[in-house]
Amino acid sequence: MSEVTIGMDNFNEEALQSPLPVLIDFWAAWCGPCRMIAPLIADIAREYEGRLKVGKVNVDEEDELARQHGIVSIPCLVVYKDGKIVRKHMGAAPKQTVEELFKDLL
């Protein structure tokens, strides 16, 4: 399973109502650090398939959604569980740091 594109139209279904923990990458095409971690996020989506949902929110296309979630810097990784934000990390990070955001929730 690859990452799910998330926007205002499917946010509730994909993030808040998901039975799995959800890792959302708030990103933009012009953001160098976002492009740098994109392959890592894709690897995590494949590696944790069936245990973790991985979503991507393009902040340029979904500025209202980014604003609602207090995204002021990108990349911003947000973990949701049971419809609530449980962790948030701003900036690029190595795989181990990203995994620490959700591993104990699986």
PDB file of N, CA and C in Angstrom:
ATOM      1  N   MET A   1       0.845  -1.184   0.000  1.00  0.00           N
ATOM      2  CA  MET A   1       0.000   0.000   0.000  1.00  0.00           C
ATOM      3  C   MET A   1       0.884   1.239   0.000  1.00  0.00           C
ATOM      4  N   SER A   2       0.571   2.143  -0.850  1.00  0.00           N
ATOM      5  CA  SER A   2       1.323   3.392  -0.862  1.00  0.00           C
ATOM      6  C   SER A   2       0.613   4.410   0.017  1.00  0.00           C
ATOM      7  N   GLU A   3       1.180   5.583   0.069  1.00  0.00           N
ATOM      8  CA  GLU A   3       0.570   6.632   0.860  1.00  0.00           C
ATOM      9  C   GLU A   3      -0.783   7.026   0.276  1.00  0.00           C
ATOM     10  N   VAL A   4      -1.681   7.460   1.145  1.00  0.00           N
ATOM     11  CA  VAL A   4      -3.001   7.926   0.753  1.00  0.00           C
ATOM     12  C   VAL A   4      -2.939   9.451   0.668  1.00  0.00           C
ATOM     13  N   THR A   5      -3.437  10.002  -0.423  1.00  0.00           N
ATOM     14  CA  THR A   5      -3.535  11.455  -0.535  1.00  0.00           C
ATOM     15  C   THR A   5      -4.735  11.898   0.283  1.00  0.00           C
ATOM     16  N   ILE A   6      -4.484  12.810   1.210  1.00  0.00           N
ATOM     17  CA  ILE A   6      -5.532  13.249   2.122  1.00  0.00           C
ATOM     18  C   ILE A   6      -5.819  14.723   1.914  1.00  0.00           C
ATOM     19  N   GLY A   7      -7.108  15.042   1.902  1.00  0.00           N
ATOM     20  CA  GLY A   7      -7.566  16.413   1.768  1.00  0.00           C
ATOM     21  C   GLY A   7      -8.787  16.623   2.642  1.00  0.00           C
ATOM     22  N   MET A   8      -9.383  17.784   2.537  1.00  0.00           N
ATOM     23  CA  MET A   8     -10.567  18.101   3.338  1.00  0.00           C
ATOM     24  C   MET A   8     -11.687  17.096   3.076  1.00  0.00           C
ATOM     25  N   ASP A   9     -11.789  16.644   1.825  1.00  0.00           N
ATOM     26  CA  ASP A   9     -12.896  15.760   1.450  1.00  0.00           C
ATOM     27  C   ASP A   9     -12.812  14.361   2.059  1.00  0.00           C
ATOM     28  N   ASN A  10     -11.616  13.895   2.410  1.00  0.00           N
ATOM     29  CA  ASN A  10     -11.502  12.533   2.947  1.00  0.00           C
ATOM     30  C   ASN A  10     -10.755  12.472   4.284  1.00  0.00           C
ATOM     31  N   PHE A  11     -10.463  13.608   4.901  1.00  0.00           N
ATOM     32  CA  PHE A  11      -9.688  13.618   6.129  1.00  0.00           C
ATOM     33  C   PHE A  11     -10.369  12.829   7.253  1.00  0.00           C
ATOM     34  N   ASN A  12     -11.648  13.071   7.470  1.00  0.00           N
ATOM     35  CA  ASN A  12     -12.343  12.362   8.559  1.00  0.00           C
ATOM     36  C   ASN A  12     -12.285  10.857   8.368  1.00  0.00           C
ATOM     37  N   GLU A  13     -12.581  10.409   7.164  1.00  0.00           N
ATOM     38  CA  GLU A  13     -12.587   8.969   6.879  1.00  0.00           C
ATOM     39  C   GLU A  13     -11.185   8.355   6.993  1.00  0.00           C
ATOM     40  N   GLU A  14     -10.212   9.003   6.378  1.00  0.00           N
ATOM     41  CA  GLU A  14      -8.863   8.427   6.311  1.00  0.00           C
ATOM     42  C   GLU A  14      -8.057   8.585   7.603  1.00  0.00           C
ATOM     43  N   ALA A  15      -8.252   9.682   8.328  1.00  0.00           N
ATOM     44  CA  ALA A  15      -7.437   9.942   9.517  1.00  0.00           C
ATOM     45  C   ALA A  15      -8.202   9.729  10.816  1.00  0.00           C
ATOM     46  N   LEU A  16      -9.326  10.383  10.954  1.00  0.00           N
ATOM     47  CA  LEU A  16     -10.025  10.348  12.239  1.00  0.00           C
ATOM     48  C   LEU A  16     -10.779   9.053  12.489  1.00  0.00           C
ATOM     49  N   GLN A  17     -11.294   8.429  11.433  1.00  0.00           N
ATOM     50  CA  GLN A  17     -12.078   7.212  11.593  1.00  0.00           C
ATOM     51  C   GLN A  17     -11.297   5.938  11.300  1.00  0.00           C
ATOM     52  N   SER A  18     -10.018   6.049  11.068  1.00  0.00           N
ATOM     53  CA  SER A  18      -9.203   4.885  10.740  1.00  0.00           C
ATOM     54  C   SER A  18      -9.055   3.969  11.949  1.00  0.00           C
ATOM     55  N   PRO A  19      -9.217   2.667  11.746  1.00  0.00           N
ATOM     56  CA  PRO A  19      -8.982   1.720  12.841  1.00  0.00           C
ATOM     57  C   PRO A  19      -7.483   1.559  13.138  1.00  0.00           C
ATOM     58  N   LEU A  20      -6.648   1.980  12.196  1.00  0.00           N
ATOM     59  CA  LEU A  20      -5.193   1.901  12.361  1.00  0.00           C
ATOM     60  C   LEU A  20      -4.652   3.256  12.804  1.00  0.00           C
ATOM     61  N   PRO A  21      -3.501   3.275  13.469  1.00  0.00           N
ATOM     62  CA  PRO A  21      -2.824   4.555  13.671  1.00  0.00           C
ATOM     63  C   PRO A  21      -2.503   5.146  12.298  1.00  0.00           C
ATOM     64  N   VAL A  22      -2.467   6.470  12.222  1.00  0.00           N
ATOM     65  CA  VAL A  22      -2.249   7.158  10.947  1.00  0.00           C
ATOM     66  C   VAL A  22      -1.074   8.129  11.092  1.00  0.00           C
ATOM     67  N   LEU A  23      -0.115   8.001  10.194  1.00  0.00           N
ATOM     68  CA  LEU A  23       1.007   8.942  10.101  1.00  0.00           C
ATOM     69  C   LEU A  23       0.734   9.831   8.898  1.00  0.00           C
ATOM     70  N   ILE A  24       0.609  11.137   9.133  1.00  0.00           N
ATOM     71  CA  ILE A  24       0.362  12.065   8.033  1.00  0.00           C
ATOM     72  C   ILE A  24       1.572  12.969   7.849  1.00  0.00           C
ATOM     73  N   ASP A  25       2.012  13.045   6.613  1.00  0.00           N
ATOM     74  CA  ASP A  25       3.122  13.903   6.208  1.00  0.00           C
ATOM     75  C   ASP A  25       2.524  15.149   5.566  1.00  0.00           C
ATOM     76  N   PHE A  26       2.606  16.293   6.261  1.00  0.00           N
ATOM     77  CA  PHE A  26       2.212  17.572   5.691  1.00  0.00           C
ATOM     78  C   PHE A  26       3.430  18.097   4.937  1.00  0.00           C
ATOM     79  N   TRP A  27       3.294  18.338   3.640  1.00  0.00           N
ATOM     80  CA  TRP A  27       4.435  18.626   2.782  1.00  0.00           C
ATOM     81  C   TRP A  27       4.041  19.605   1.671  1.00  0.00           C
ATOM     82  N   ALA A  28       5.029  20.021   0.872  1.00  0.00           N
ATOM     83  CA  ALA A  28       4.808  20.821  -0.334  1.00  0.00           C
ATOM     84  C   ALA A  28       5.892  20.465  -1.349  1.00  0.00           C
ATOM     85  N   ALA A  29       5.551  20.594  -2.612  1.00  0.00           N
ATOM     86  CA  ALA A  29       6.473  20.224  -3.689  1.00  0.00           C
ATOM     87  C   ALA A  29       7.744  21.075  -3.698  1.00  0.00           C
ATOM     88  N   TRP A  30       7.654  22.330  -3.285  1.00  0.00           N
ATOM     89  CA  TRP A  30       8.803  23.235  -3.308  1.00  0.00           C
ATOM     90  C   TRP A  30       9.738  23.058  -2.106  1.00  0.00           C
ATOM     91  N   CYS A  31       9.353  22.234  -1.149  1.00  0.00           N
ATOM     92  CA  CYS A  31      10.088  22.072   0.114  1.00  0.00           C
ATOM     93  C   CYS A  31      11.188  21.015  -0.025  1.00  0.00           C
ATOM     94  N   GLY A  32      12.446  21.458   0.062  1.00  0.00           N
ATOM     95  CA  GLY A  32      13.581  20.541  -0.061  1.00  0.00           C
ATOM     96  C   GLY A  32      13.578  19.436   0.989  1.00  0.00           C
ATOM     97  N   PRO A  33      13.434  19.754   2.274  1.00  0.00           N
ATOM     98  CA  PRO A  33      13.388  18.695   3.287  1.00  0.00           C
ATOM     99  C   PRO A  33      12.217  17.728   3.080  1.00  0.00           C
ATOM    100  N   CYS A  34      11.099  18.233   2.557  1.00  0.00           N
ATOM    101  CA  CYS A  34       9.950  17.361   2.274  1.00  0.00           C
ATOM    102  C   CYS A  34      10.320  16.331   1.200  1.00  0.00           C
ATOM    103  N   ARG A  35      10.983  16.806   0.152  1.00  0.00           N
ATOM    104  CA  ARG A  35      11.411  15.898  -0.922  1.00  0.00           C
ATOM    105  C   ARG A  35      12.450  14.914  -0.404  1.00  0.00           C
ATOM    106  N   MET A  36      13.274  15.373   0.535  1.00  0.00           N
ATOM    107  CA  MET A  36      14.320  14.520   1.091  1.00  0.00           C
ATOM    108  C   MET A  36      13.727  13.334   1.869  1.00  0.00           C
ATOM    109  N   ILE A  37      12.645  13.552   2.624  1.00  0.00           N
ATOM    110  CA  ILE A  37      12.085  12.453   3.423  1.00  0.00           C
ATOM    111  C   ILE A  37      11.001  11.662   2.689  1.00  0.00           C
ATOM    112  N   ALA A  38      10.594  12.112   1.510  1.00  0.00           N
ATOM    113  CA  ALA A  38       9.529  11.425   0.772  1.00  0.00           C
ATOM    114  C   ALA A  38       9.824   9.933   0.551  1.00  0.00           C
ATOM    115  N   PRO A  39      11.042   9.543   0.127  1.00  0.00           N
ATOM    116  CA  PRO A  39      11.309   8.106  -0.049  1.00  0.00           C
ATOM    117  C   PRO A  39      11.225   7.333   1.278  1.00  0.00           C
ATOM    118  N   LEU A  40      11.640   7.950   2.354  1.00  0.00           N
ATOM    119  CA  LEU A  40      11.567   7.324   3.677  1.00  0.00           C
ATOM    120  C   LEU A  40      10.103   7.085   4.068  1.00  0.00           C
ATOM    121  N   ILE A  41       9.241   8.073   3.816  1.00  0.00           N
ATOM    122  CA  ILE A  41       7.815   7.941   4.128  1.00  0.00           C
ATOM    123  C   ILE A  41       7.197   6.825   3.281  1.00  0.00           C
ATOM    124  N   ALA A  42       7.584   6.746   2.013  1.00  0.00           N
ATOM    125  CA  ALA A  42       7.088   5.677   1.134  1.00  0.00           C
ATOM    126  C   ALA A  42       7.547   4.312   1.642  1.00  0.00           C
ATOM    127  N   ASP A  43       8.801   4.213   2.094  1.00  0.00           N
ATOM    128  CA  ASP A  43       9.305   2.947   2.656  1.00  0.00           C
ATOM    129  C   ASP A  43       8.506   2.542   3.881  1.00  0.00           C
ATOM    130  N   ILE A  44       8.219   3.486   4.753  1.00  0.00           N
ATOM    131  CA  ILE A  44       7.439   3.192   5.962  1.00  0.00           C
ATOM    132  C   ILE A  44       6.042   2.714   5.586  1.00  0.00           C
ATOM    133  N   ALA A  45       5.429   3.341   4.588  1.00  0.00           N
ATOM    134  CA  ALA A  45       4.090   2.931   4.141  1.00  0.00           C
ATOM    135  C   ALA A  45       4.091   1.468   3.703  1.00  0.00           C
ATOM    136  N   ARG A  46       5.134   1.066   2.973  1.00  0.00           N
ATOM    137  CA  ARG A  46       5.222  -0.333   2.516  1.00  0.00           C
ATOM    138  C   ARG A  46       5.542  -1.274   3.672  1.00  0.00           C
ATOM    139  N   GLU A  47       6.498  -0.890   4.498  1.00  0.00           N
ATOM    140  CA  GLU A  47       6.965  -1.752   5.579  1.00  0.00           C
ATOM    141  C   GLU A  47       5.904  -2.014   6.640  1.00  0.00           C
ATOM    142  N   TYR A  48       5.067  -1.026   6.905  1.00  0.00           N
ATOM    143  CA  TYR A  48       4.063  -1.155   7.974  1.00  0.00           C
ATOM    144  C   TYR A  48       2.653  -1.342   7.430  1.00  0.00           C
ATOM    145  N   GLU A  49       2.541  -1.749   6.182  1.00  0.00           N
ATOM    146  CA  GLU A  49       1.236  -1.973   5.561  1.00  0.00           C
ATOM    147  C   GLU A  49       0.387  -2.900   6.423  1.00  0.00           C
ATOM    148  N   GLY A  50      -0.866  -2.522   6.620  1.00  0.00           N
ATOM    149  CA  GLY A  50      -1.779  -3.332   7.413  1.00  0.00           C
ATOM    150  C   GLY A  50      -1.723  -3.036   8.912  1.00  0.00           C
ATOM    151  N   ARG A  51      -0.687  -2.297   9.325  1.00  0.00           N
ATOM    152  CA  ARG A  51      -0.558  -1.936  10.749  1.00  0.00           C
ATOM    153  C   ARG A  51      -0.586  -0.431  10.962  1.00  0.00           C
ATOM    154  N   LEU A  52      -0.275   0.338   9.904  1.00  0.00           N
ATOM    155  CA  LEU A  52      -0.193   1.791   9.967  1.00  0.00           C
ATOM    156  C   LEU A  52      -0.671   2.350   8.640  1.00  0.00           C
ATOM    157  N   LYS A  53      -1.516   3.363   8.696  1.00  0.00           N
ATOM    158  CA  LYS A  53      -1.908   4.061   7.473  1.00  0.00           C
ATOM    159  C   LYS A  53      -0.996   5.278   7.341  1.00  0.00           C
ATOM    160  N   VAL A  54      -0.506   5.521   6.136  1.00  0.00           N
ATOM    161  CA  VAL A  54       0.366   6.664   5.886  1.00  0.00           C
ATOM    162  C   VAL A  54      -0.324   7.572   4.875  1.00  0.00           C
ATOM    163  N   GLY A  55      -0.485   8.823   5.268  1.00  0.00           N
ATOM    164  CA  GLY A  55      -1.149   9.792   4.412  1.00  0.00           C
ATOM    165  C   GLY A  55      -0.249  10.968   4.104  1.00  0.00           C
ATOM    166  N   LYS A  56      -0.571  11.651   3.012  1.00  0.00           N
ATOM    167  CA  LYS A  56       0.181  12.836   2.589  1.00  0.00           C
ATOM    168  C   LYS A  56      -0.823  13.969   2.382  1.00  0.00           C
ATOM    169  N   VAL A  57      -0.508  15.133   2.958  1.00  0.00           N
ATOM    170  CA  VAL A  57      -1.318  16.332   2.760  1.00  0.00           C
ATOM    171  C   VAL A  57      -0.426  17.396   2.139  1.00  0.00           C
ATOM    172  N   ASN A  58      -0.745  17.786   0.919  1.00  0.00           N
ATOM    173  CA  ASN A  58      -0.020  18.861   0.243  1.00  0.00           C
ATOM    174  C   ASN A  58      -0.575  20.181   0.789  1.00  0.00           C
ATOM    175  N   VAL A  59       0.236  20.901   1.553  1.00  0.00           N
ATOM    176  CA  VAL A  59      -0.239  22.112   2.221  1.00  0.00           C
ATOM    177  C   VAL A  59      -0.596  23.229   1.244  1.00  0.00           C
ATOM    178  N   ASP A  60      -0.033  23.217   0.042  1.00  0.00           N
ATOM    179  CA  ASP A  60      -0.392  24.224  -0.951  1.00  0.00           C
ATOM    180  C   ASP A  60      -1.797  23.980  -1.500  1.00  0.00           C
ATOM    181  N   GLU A  61      -2.164  22.715  -1.633  1.00  0.00           N
ATOM    182  CA  GLU A  61      -3.482  22.360  -2.148  1.00  0.00           C
ATOM    183  C   GLU A  61      -4.529  22.284  -1.036  1.00  0.00           C
ATOM    184  N   GLU A  62      -4.095  22.048   0.170  1.00  0.00           N
ATOM    185  CA  GLU A  62      -5.008  21.877   1.305  1.00  0.00           C
ATOM    186  C   GLU A  62      -4.632  22.831   2.440  1.00  0.00           C
ATOM    187  N   ASP A  63      -4.552  24.119   2.107  1.00  0.00           N
ATOM    188  CA  ASP A  63      -4.115  25.101   3.099  1.00  0.00           C
ATOM    189  C   ASP A  63      -5.061  25.210   4.288  1.00  0.00           C
ATOM    190  N   GLU A  64      -6.356  25.049   4.074  1.00  0.00           N
ATOM    191  CA  GLU A  64      -7.315  25.109   5.179  1.00  0.00           C
ATOM    192  C   GLU A  64      -7.097  23.951   6.151  1.00  0.00           C
ATOM    193  N   LEU A  65      -6.869  22.769   5.634  1.00  0.00           N
ATOM    194  CA  LEU A  65      -6.603  21.602   6.479  1.00  0.00           C
ATOM    195  C   LEU A  65      -5.317  21.801   7.276  1.00  0.00           C
ATOM    196  N   ALA A  66      -4.288  22.320   6.634  1.00  0.00           N
ATOM    197  CA  ALA A  66      -3.025  22.598   7.324  1.00  0.00           C
ATOM    198  C   ALA A  66      -3.245  23.638   8.420  1.00  0.00           C
ATOM    199  N   ARG A  67      -3.996  24.670   8.126  1.00  0.00           N
ATOM    200  CA  ARG A  67      -4.284  25.712   9.108  1.00  0.00           C
ATOM    201  C   ARG A  67      -5.048  25.143  10.308  1.00  0.00           C
ATOM    202  N   GLN A  68      -6.036  24.305  10.045  1.00  0.00           N
ATOM    203  CA  GLN A  68      -6.834  23.696  11.115  1.00  0.00           C
ATOM    204  C   GLN A  68      -5.981  22.848  12.059  1.00  0.00           C
ATOM    205  N   HIS A  69      -4.890  22.307  11.548  1.00  0.00           N
ATOM    206  CA  HIS A  69      -4.035  21.437  12.357  1.00  0.00           C
ATOM    207  C   HIS A  69      -2.773  22.137  12.854  1.00  0.00           C
ATOM    208  N   GLY A  70      -2.747  23.452  12.708  1.00  0.00           N
ATOM    209  CA  GLY A  70      -1.657  24.238  13.260  1.00  0.00           C
ATOM    210  C   GLY A  70      -0.306  23.992  12.612  1.00  0.00           C
ATOM    211  N   ILE A  71      -0.323  23.642  11.334  1.00  0.00           N
ATOM    212  CA  ILE A  71       0.936  23.381  10.630  1.00  0.00           C
ATOM    213  C   ILE A  71       1.559  24.723  10.241  1.00  0.00           C
ATOM    214  N   VAL A  72       2.693  25.027  10.854  1.00  0.00           N
ATOM    215  CA  VAL A  72       3.368  26.301  10.589  1.00  0.00           C
ATOM    216  C   VAL A  72       4.714  26.100   9.908  1.00  0.00           C
ATOM    217  N   SER A  73       5.195  24.871   9.890  1.00  0.00           N
ATOM    218  CA  SER A  73       6.481  24.549   9.274  1.00  0.00           C
ATOM    219  C   SER A  73       6.382  23.157   8.673  1.00  0.00           C
ATOM    220  N   ILE A  74       7.020  22.970   7.533  1.00  0.00           N
ATOM    221  CA  ILE A  74       6.995  21.652   6.894  1.00  0.00           C
ATOM    222  C   ILE A  74       8.414  21.201   6.601  1.00  0.00           C
ATOM    223  N   PRO A  75       8.640  19.899   6.491  1.00  0.00           N
ATOM    224  CA  PRO A  75       7.661  18.841   6.688  1.00  0.00           C
ATOM    225  C   PRO A  75       7.226  18.762   8.145  1.00  0.00           C
ATOM    226  N   CYS A  76       5.979  18.358   8.317  1.00  0.00           N
ATOM    227  CA  CYS A  76       5.449  18.133   9.655  1.00  0.00           C
ATOM    228  C   CYS A  76       4.770  16.773   9.642  1.00  0.00           C
ATOM    229  N   LEU A  77       5.220  15.897  10.510  1.00  0.00           N
ATOM    230  CA  LEU A  77       4.659  14.556  10.621  1.00  0.00           C
ATOM    231  C   LEU A  77       3.742  14.521  11.837  1.00  0.00           C
ATOM    232  N   VAL A  78       2.507  14.086  11.612  1.00  0.00           N
ATOM    233  CA  VAL A  78       1.513  14.049  12.674  1.00  0.00           C
ATOM    234  C   VAL A  78       0.955  12.637  12.757  1.00  0.00           C
ATOM    235  N   VAL A  79       0.882  12.105  13.975  1.00  0.00           N
ATOM    236  CA  VAL A  79       0.343  10.765  14.197  1.00  0.00           C
ATOM    237  C   VAL A  79      -1.012  10.901  14.882  1.00  0.00           C
ATOM    238  N   TYR A  80      -2.014  10.235  14.291  1.00  0.00           N
ATOM    239  CA  TYR A  80      -3.361  10.193  14.845  1.00  0.00           C
ATOM    240  C   TYR A  80      -3.658   8.777  15.306  1.00  0.00           C
ATOM    241  N   LYS A  81      -4.337   8.660  16.431  1.00  0.00           N
ATOM    242  CA  LYS A  81      -4.820   7.360  16.890  1.00  0.00           C
ATOM    243  C   LYS A  81      -6.173   7.609  17.540  1.00  0.00           C
ATOM    244  N   ASP A  82      -7.128   6.789  17.168  1.00  0.00           N
ATOM    245  CA  ASP A  82      -8.490   6.925  17.696  1.00  0.00           C
ATOM    246  C   ASP A  82      -9.029   8.338  17.501  1.00  0.00           C
ATOM    247  N   GLY A  83      -8.721   8.935  16.360  1.00  0.00           N
ATOM    248  CA  GLY A  83      -9.254  10.238  16.019  1.00  0.00           C
ATOM    249  C   GLY A  83      -8.585  11.424  16.674  1.00  0.00           C
ATOM    250  N   LYS A  84      -7.486  11.193  17.375  1.00  0.00           N
ATOM    251  CA  LYS A  84      -6.809  12.279  18.078  1.00  0.00           C
ATOM    252  C   LYS A  84      -5.334  12.350  17.691  1.00  0.00           C
ATOM    253  N   ILE A  85      -4.792  13.567  17.724  1.00  0.00           N
ATOM    254  CA  ILE A  85      -3.364  13.743  17.504  1.00  0.00           C
ATOM    255  C   ILE A  85      -2.642  13.239  18.744  1.00  0.00           C
ATOM    256  N   VAL A  86      -1.695  12.315  18.541  1.00  0.00           N
ATOM    257  CA  VAL A  86      -0.927  11.793  19.674  1.00  0.00           C
ATOM    258  C   VAL A  86       0.543  12.192  19.619  1.00  0.00           C
ATOM    259  N   ARG A  87       1.043  12.509  18.428  1.00  0.00           N
ATOM    260  CA  ARG A  87       2.438  12.938  18.295  1.00  0.00           C
ATOM    261  C   ARG A  87       2.570  13.871  17.102  1.00  0.00           C
ATOM    262  N   LYS A  88       3.580  14.731  17.179  1.00  0.00           N
ATOM    263  CA  LYS A  88       3.844  15.673  16.097  1.00  0.00           C
ATOM    264  C   LYS A  88       5.348  15.919  16.041  1.00  0.00           C
ATOM    265  N   HIS A  89       5.892  15.948  14.825  1.00  0.00           N
ATOM    266  CA  HIS A  89       7.324  16.210  14.647  1.00  0.00           C
ATOM    267  C   HIS A  89       7.497  17.143  13.455  1.00  0.00           C
ATOM    268  N   MET A  90       8.179  18.264  13.669  1.00  0.00           N
ATOM    269  CA  MET A  90       8.447  19.192  12.569  1.00  0.00           C
ATOM    270  C   MET A  90       9.874  19.024  12.087  1.00  0.00           C
ATOM    271  N   GLY A  91      10.035  19.065  10.777  1.00  0.00           N
ATOM    272  CA  GLY A  91      11.358  18.980  10.175  1.00  0.00           C
ATOM    273  C   GLY A  91      11.677  17.579   9.690  1.00  0.00           C
ATOM    274  N   ALA A  92      12.692  17.508   8.861  1.00  0.00           N
ATOM    275  CA  ALA A  92      13.150  16.213   8.339  1.00  0.00           C
ATOM    276  C   ALA A  92      13.756  15.415   9.485  1.00  0.00           C
ATOM    277  N   ALA A  93      13.668  14.098   9.370  1.00  0.00           N
ATOM    278  CA  ALA A  93      14.186  13.230  10.428  1.00  0.00           C
ATOM    279  C   ALA A  93      14.606  11.899   9.820  1.00  0.00           C
ATOM    280  N   PRO A  94      15.537  11.213  10.474  1.00  0.00           N
ATOM    281  CA  PRO A  94      15.912   9.884   9.997  1.00  0.00           C
ATOM    282  C   PRO A  94      14.785   8.882  10.282  1.00  0.00           C
ATOM    283  N   LYS A  95      14.860   7.740   9.622  1.00  0.00           N
ATOM    284  CA  LYS A  95      13.811   6.729   9.730  1.00  0.00           C
ATOM    285  C   LYS A  95      13.549   6.320  11.176  1.00  0.00           C
ATOM    286  N   GLN A  96      14.578   6.114  11.952  1.00  0.00           N
ATOM    287  CA  GLN A  96      14.407   5.683  13.335  1.00  0.00           C
ATOM    288  C   GLN A  96      13.578   6.696  14.136  1.00  0.00           C
ATOM    289  N   THR A  97      13.830   7.971  13.933  1.00  0.00           N
ATOM    290  CA  THR A  97      13.078   9.014  14.630  1.00  0.00           C
ATOM    291  C   THR A  97      11.619   8.999  14.216  1.00  0.00           C
ATOM    292  N   VAL A  98      11.356   8.816  12.925  1.00  0.00           N
ATOM    293  CA  VAL A  98       9.981   8.753  12.429  1.00  0.00           C
ATOM    294  C   VAL A  98       9.283   7.526  13.012  1.00  0.00           C
ATOM    295  N   GLU A  99       9.955   6.396  13.025  1.00  0.00           N
ATOM    296  CA  GLU A  99       9.357   5.173  13.575  1.00  0.00           C
ATOM    297  C   GLU A  99       9.027   5.320  15.059  1.00  0.00           C
ATOM    298  N   GLU A 100       9.845   6.065  15.786  1.00  0.00           N
ATOM    299  CA  GLU A 100       9.575   6.268  17.215  1.00  0.00           C
ATOM    300  C   GLU A 100       8.283   7.032  17.448  1.00  0.00           C
ATOM    301  N   LEU A 101       7.793   7.738  16.438  1.00  0.00           N
ATOM    302  CA  LEU A 101       6.539   8.461  16.568  1.00  0.00           C
ATOM    303  C   LEU A 101       5.331   7.527  16.673  1.00  0.00           C
ATOM    304  N   PHE A 102       5.429   6.330  16.086  1.00  0.00           N
ATOM    305  CA  PHE A 102       4.255   5.460  16.017  1.00  0.00           C
ATOM    306  C   PHE A 102       4.450   4.022  16.481  1.00  0.00           C
ATOM    307  N   LYS A 103       5.676   3.528  16.569  1.00  0.00           N
ATOM    308  CA  LYS A 103       5.903   2.099  16.818  1.00  0.00           C
ATOM    309  C   LYS A 103       5.175   1.565  18.050  1.00  0.00           C
ATOM    310  N   ASP A 104       5.141   2.333  19.125  1.00  0.00           N
ATOM    311  CA  ASP A 104       4.489   1.841  20.343  1.00  0.00           C
ATOM    312  C   ASP A 104       2.963   1.852  20.240  1.00  0.00           C
ATOM    313  N   LEU A 105       2.428   2.406  19.155  1.00  0.00           N
ATOM    314  CA  LEU A 105       0.976   2.467  18.954  1.00  0.00           C
ATOM    315  C   LEU A 105       0.453   1.308  18.112  1.00  0.00           C
ATOM    316  N   LEU A 106       1.350   0.532  17.548  1.00  0.00           N
ATOM    317  CA  LEU A 106       0.938  -0.566  16.650  1.00  0.00           C
ATOM    318  C   LEU A 106       0.438  -1.760  17.435  1.00  0.00           C
TER     319      LEU A 106
END
